[in-house]
Amino acid sequence: MSELCAVKAHVLRYWEQEFTQLSPVKRRGNRRYYQHHEVLLIRRIRELLYEEGFTISGARQRLEHEAGVAPEPTPAAAKLALDVSGLRAEITAILKILD
């Protein structure tokens, strides 16, 4: 797992203590088995800490916020929504003319 996510094993163990969302199944010999959503979570934690410069507590807060709130639309998505609503208005106007 540490190779897959580019995070050392001792760092993963520390993150398991700090992030309650990260709780791999432990089997015989204390081996940990991570599910797909946990792999994605590890990658997100790594991104927040190493690439975006968050602290542990800041990353924890961001993850809690992301889990409880839908992500904000990107500027491109907002523009697309405006374009779609504009097209709807034009189509409605054309349909009224044709009736």
C-alpha atoms as a PDB file:
ATOM      1  CA  MET A   1       0.000   0.000   0.000  1.00  0.00           C
ATOM      2  CA  SER A   2       2.757   2.408   0.848  1.00  0.00           C
ATOM      3  CA  GLU A   3       4.263   1.932  -2.625  1.00  0.00           C
ATOM      4  CA  LEU A   4       0.892   2.355  -4.336  1.00  0.00           C
ATOM      5  CA  CYS A   5       0.210   5.660  -2.595  1.00  0.00           C
ATOM      6  CA  ALA A   6       3.846   6.827  -2.346  1.00  0.00           C
ATOM      7  CA  VAL A   7       3.600   7.069   1.443  1.00  0.00           C
ATOM      8  CA  LYS A   8       5.817   5.189   3.897  1.00  0.00           C
ATOM      9  CA  ALA A   9       4.254   2.553   6.147  1.00  0.00           C
ATOM     10  CA  HIS A  10       4.949   4.437   9.390  1.00  0.00           C
ATOM     11  CA  VAL A  11       3.243   7.514   7.921  1.00  0.00           C
ATOM     12  CA  LEU A  12       0.165   5.428   7.093  1.00  0.00           C
ATOM     13  CA  ARG A  13       0.064   4.168  10.688  1.00  0.00           C
ATOM     14  CA  TYR A  14       0.241   7.744  11.955  1.00  0.00           C
ATOM     15  CA  TRP A  15      -2.528   8.842   9.600  1.00  0.00           C
ATOM     16  CA  GLU A  16      -4.703   5.995  10.881  1.00  0.00           C
ATOM     17  CA  GLN A  17      -4.463   7.607  14.321  1.00  0.00           C
ATOM     18  CA  GLU A  18      -5.114  11.138  13.073  1.00  0.00           C
ATOM     19  CA  PHE A  19      -7.883  10.542  10.527  1.00  0.00           C
ATOM     20  CA  THR A  20     -10.850   8.599  11.888  1.00  0.00           C
ATOM     21  CA  GLN A  21     -12.133   7.957   8.358  1.00  0.00           C
ATOM     22  CA  LEU A  22      -9.068   5.802   7.711  1.00  0.00           C
ATOM     23  CA  SER A  23      -9.593   2.434   9.381  1.00  0.00           C
ATOM     24  CA  PRO A  24      -8.280  -0.550   7.416  1.00  0.00           C
ATOM     25  CA  VAL A  25      -9.355  -4.079   8.261  1.00  0.00           C
ATOM     26  CA  LYS A  26      -6.716  -5.781  10.402  1.00  0.00           C
ATOM     27  CA  ARG A  27      -6.237  -9.503   9.994  1.00  0.00           C
ATOM     28  CA  ARG A  28      -3.937 -12.119  11.451  1.00  0.00           C
ATOM     29  CA  GLY A  29      -0.438 -10.875  12.096  1.00  0.00           C
ATOM     30  CA  ASN A  30      -1.731  -7.276  12.281  1.00  0.00           C
ATOM     31  CA  ARG A  31      -1.688  -7.027   8.481  1.00  0.00           C
ATOM     32  CA  ARG A  32      -3.836  -4.198   7.196  1.00  0.00           C
ATOM     33  CA  TYR A  33      -6.175  -4.496   4.233  1.00  0.00           C
ATOM     34  CA  TYR A  34      -7.350  -1.280   2.639  1.00  0.00           C
ATOM     35  CA  GLN A  35     -10.572  -0.971   0.677  1.00  0.00           C
ATOM     36  CA  HIS A  36     -10.841   1.095  -2.490  1.00  0.00           C
ATOM     37  CA  HIS A  37     -12.366   4.129  -0.745  1.00  0.00           C
ATOM     38  CA  GLU A  38      -9.512   4.095   1.779  1.00  0.00           C
ATOM     39  CA  VAL A  39      -6.926   4.095  -1.004  1.00  0.00           C
ATOM     40  CA  LEU A  40      -8.654   7.151  -2.472  1.00  0.00           C
ATOM     41  CA  LEU A  41      -8.706   8.754   0.975  1.00  0.00           C
ATOM     42  CA  ILE A  42      -4.974   8.130   1.465  1.00  0.00           C
ATOM     43  CA  ARG A  43      -4.247   9.740  -1.880  1.00  0.00           C
ATOM     44  CA  ARG A  44      -6.428  12.730  -0.965  1.00  0.00           C
ATOM     45  CA  ILE A  45      -4.695  13.108   2.415  1.00  0.00           C
ATOM     46  CA  ARG A  46      -1.320  12.939   0.682  1.00  0.00           C
ATOM     47  CA  GLU A  47      -2.434  15.601  -1.796  1.00  0.00           C
ATOM     48  CA  LEU A  48      -3.668  17.910   0.962  1.00  0.00           C
ATOM     49  CA  LEU A  49      -0.553  17.535   3.100  1.00  0.00           C
ATOM     50  CA  TYR A  50       2.246  17.323   0.558  1.00  0.00           C
ATOM     51  CA  GLU A  51       0.973  19.215  -2.466  1.00  0.00           C
ATOM     52  CA  GLU A  52      -1.412  21.805  -1.016  1.00  0.00           C
ATOM     53  CA  GLY A  53       0.553  22.398   2.195  1.00  0.00           C
ATOM     54  CA  PHE A  54      -2.193  21.689   4.741  1.00  0.00           C
ATOM     55  CA  THR A  55      -1.401  20.798   8.332  1.00  0.00           C
ATOM     56  CA  ILE A  56      -2.805  17.562   9.781  1.00  0.00           C
ATOM     57  CA  SER A  57      -5.635  19.445  11.513  1.00  0.00           C
ATOM     58  CA  GLY A  58      -6.305  21.521   8.408  1.00  0.00           C
ATOM     59  CA  ALA A  59      -6.472  18.415   6.238  1.00  0.00           C
ATOM     60  CA  ARG A  60      -8.786  16.768   8.773  1.00  0.00           C
ATOM     61  CA  GLN A  61     -11.120  19.785   8.683  1.00  0.00           C
ATOM     62  CA  ARG A  62     -11.060  19.898   4.883  1.00  0.00           C
ATOM     63  CA  LEU A  63     -11.945  16.200   4.639  1.00  0.00           C
ATOM     64  CA  GLU A  64     -14.800  16.627   7.114  1.00  0.00           C
ATOM     65  CA  HIS A  65     -16.053  19.611   5.123  1.00  0.00           C
ATOM     66  CA  GLU A  66     -15.801  17.701   1.832  1.00  0.00           C
ATOM     67  CA  ALA A  67     -17.703  14.760   3.307  1.00  0.00           C
ATOM     68  CA  GLY A  68     -20.544  16.969   4.529  1.00  0.00           C
ATOM     69  CA  VAL A  69     -20.817  19.471   1.694  1.00  0.00           C
ATOM     70  CA  ALA A  70     -21.055  19.001  -2.042  1.00  0.00           C
ATOM     71  CA  PRO A  71     -17.987  20.381  -3.799  1.00  0.00           C
ATOM     72  CA  GLU A  72     -18.272  23.873  -5.225  1.00  0.00           C
ATOM     73  CA  PRO A  73     -18.691  23.965  -8.993  1.00  0.00           C
ATOM     74  CA  THR A  74     -15.629  24.965 -10.946  1.00  0.00           C
ATOM     75  CA  PRO A  75     -15.767  28.200 -12.951  1.00  0.00           C
ATOM     76  CA  ALA A  76     -16.072  26.146 -16.143  1.00  0.00           C
ATOM     77  CA  ALA A  77     -19.035  24.217 -14.714  1.00  0.00           C
ATOM     78  CA  ALA A  78     -20.715  27.456 -13.616  1.00  0.00           C
ATOM     79  CA  LYS A  79     -20.247  28.932 -17.105  1.00  0.00           C
ATOM     80  CA  LEU A  80     -21.654  25.766 -18.657  1.00  0.00           C
ATOM     81  CA  ALA A  81     -24.724  26.002 -16.410  1.00  0.00           C
ATOM     82  CA  LEU A  82     -25.258  29.601 -17.547  1.00  0.00           C
ATOM     83  CA  ASP A  83     -24.872  28.562 -21.197  1.00  0.00           C
ATOM     84  CA  VAL A  84     -27.430  25.778 -20.745  1.00  0.00           C
ATOM     85  CA  SER A  85     -29.947  28.088 -19.079  1.00  0.00           C
ATOM     86  CA  GLY A  86     -29.425  30.622 -21.877  1.00  0.00           C
ATOM     87  CA  LEU A  87     -30.037  27.951 -24.500  1.00  0.00           C
ATOM     88  CA  ARG A  88     -33.205  26.872 -22.698  1.00  0.00           C
ATOM     89  CA  ALA A  89     -34.492  30.430 -22.764  1.00  0.00           C
ATOM     90  CA  GLU A  90     -33.765  30.722 -26.498  1.00  0.00           C
ATOM     91  CA  ILE A  91     -35.482  27.412 -27.268  1.00  0.00           C
ATOM     92  CA  THR A  92     -38.506  28.432 -25.216  1.00  0.00           C
ATOM     93  CA  ALA A  93     -38.705  31.734 -27.111  1.00  0.00           C
ATOM     94  CA  ILE A  94     -38.461  29.945 -30.474  1.00  0.00           C
ATOM     95  CA  LEU A  95     -41.175  27.474 -29.476  1.00  0.00           C
ATOM     96  CA  LYS A  96     -43.483  30.366 -28.530  1.00  0.00           C
ATOM     97  CA  ILE A  97     -42.883  31.965 -31.926  1.00  0.00           C
ATOM     98  CA  LEU A  98     -43.664  28.693 -33.716  1.00  0.00           C
ATOM     99  CA  ASP A  99     -46.946  28.214 -31.848  1.00  0.00           C
END
